């Protein structure tokens, strides 16, 4: 399974999101720190879930980082996160 699918599956399981998009941006970081041949090192996550209602931006990021702890400790070098609750702009 590719890392993008692993991230998607873990976030789907943890947060049952209304919407979820995981984008592999590794090619944009070629030559930068953490990039490896073959990519799968830099990702951007767009997620909307009820789990984020009433949570601060920092708390939302901590929740996602916790759900993806194994990946962040392993091959994922960078994760950009846009996490919202339903109805947020």
Protein backbone atom coordinates (compact mmCIF):
# COMPACT_ATOMS: atom_id res chain seq x y z
CA UNK A 1 0.00 0.00 0.00
CA UNK A 2 1.31 3.46 -0.83
CA UNK A 3 1.75 5.99 1.97
CA UNK A 4 -1.02 8.25 0.62
CA UNK A 5 -3.50 5.38 1.03
CA UNK A 6 -2.19 4.55 4.49
CA UNK A 7 -2.67 8.16 5.61
CA UNK A 8 -6.15 8.31 4.06
CA UNK A 9 -7.22 5.05 5.71
CA UNK A 10 -5.95 6.04 9.15
CA UNK A 11 -7.61 9.47 9.02
CA UNK A 12 -10.85 7.95 7.73
CA UNK A 13 -10.87 5.47 10.60
CA UNK A 14 -9.92 8.02 13.27
CA UNK A 15 -12.17 10.93 12.26
CA UNK A 16 -14.94 9.65 9.92
CA UNK A 17 -14.59 12.86 7.89
CA UNK A 18 -17.22 14.52 5.71
CA UNK A 19 -14.42 15.15 3.25
CA UNK A 20 -10.80 14.11 3.05
CA UNK A 21 -8.10 14.79 0.51
CA UNK A 22 -4.50 13.65 0.89
CA UNK A 23 -2.04 15.10 -1.62
CA UNK A 24 1.50 13.78 -2.11
CA UNK A 25 3.59 16.94 -2.61
CA UNK A 26 6.94 15.16 -2.50
CA UNK A 27 7.89 16.17 -6.05
CA UNK A 28 7.61 19.83 -5.02
CA UNK A 29 10.32 19.26 -2.41
CA UNK A 30 12.90 17.51 -4.56
CA UNK A 31 16.35 18.55 -3.36
CA UNK A 32 15.05 19.73 0.02
CA UNK A 33 15.54 18.16 3.41
CA UNK A 34 13.73 14.89 3.93
CA UNK A 35 13.06 14.20 0.26
CA UNK A 36 13.93 10.73 -0.94
CA UNK A 37 13.89 9.22 -4.43
CA UNK A 38 10.45 7.72 -5.00
CA UNK A 39 8.74 10.44 -2.95
CA UNK A 40 6.12 9.67 -0.33
CA UNK A 41 7.79 12.08 2.10
CA UNK A 42 5.76 15.32 1.98
CA UNK A 43 1.97 15.39 2.21
CA UNK A 44 -0.85 17.91 2.50
CA UNK A 45 -4.12 16.93 4.20
CA UNK A 46 -7.47 18.66 3.78
CA UNK A 47 -10.01 17.23 6.21
CA UNK A 48 -13.48 18.23 7.46
CA UNK A 49 -14.84 16.31 10.45
CA UNK A 50 -17.23 16.72 13.36
CA UNK A 51 -14.33 15.58 15.56
CA UNK A 52 -12.83 19.06 15.19
CA UNK A 53 -15.86 21.00 16.50
CA UNK A 54 -14.83 23.25 19.36
CA UNK A 55 -11.15 22.38 18.97
CA UNK A 56 -8.39 24.90 18.39
CA UNK A 57 -6.14 24.70 15.35
CA UNK A 58 -3.31 23.36 17.52
CA UNK A 59 -5.57 20.69 19.05
CA UNK A 60 -6.72 19.59 15.58
CA UNK A 61 -3.13 19.25 14.40
CA UNK A 62 -2.23 17.29 17.53
CA UNK A 63 -5.15 14.93 16.92
CA UNK A 64 -4.03 14.26 13.35
CA UNK A 65 -0.36 13.95 14.31
CA UNK A 66 -1.34 11.43 16.97
CA UNK A 67 -3.36 9.36 14.49
CA UNK A 68 -0.36 9.35 12.14
CA UNK A 69 2.37 8.99 14.77
CA UNK A 70 3.91 5.87 13.22
CA UNK A 71 4.10 7.43 9.77
CA UNK A 72 5.55 10.69 11.09
CA UNK A 73 8.16 8.75 13.05
CA UNK A 74 9.01 6.80 9.91
CA UNK A 75 9.06 7.78 6.26
CA UNK A 76 6.83 10.89 6.31
CA UNK A 77 9.04 13.96 6.64
CA UNK A 78 6.42 16.73 6.43
CA UNK A 79 2.66 17.00 6.83
CA UNK A 80 0.74 20.20 6.05
CA UNK A 81 -2.72 20.16 7.60
CA UNK A 82 -5.92 22.03 6.93
CA UNK A 83 -8.47 20.66 9.40
CA UNK A 84 -11.95 22.12 9.77
CA UNK A 85 -15.27 21.32 11.35
CA UNK A 86 -18.35 21.22 9.10
CA UNK A 87 -19.62 24.69 8.24
CA UNK A 88 -16.27 26.43 8.77
CA UNK A 89 -15.03 28.54 5.86
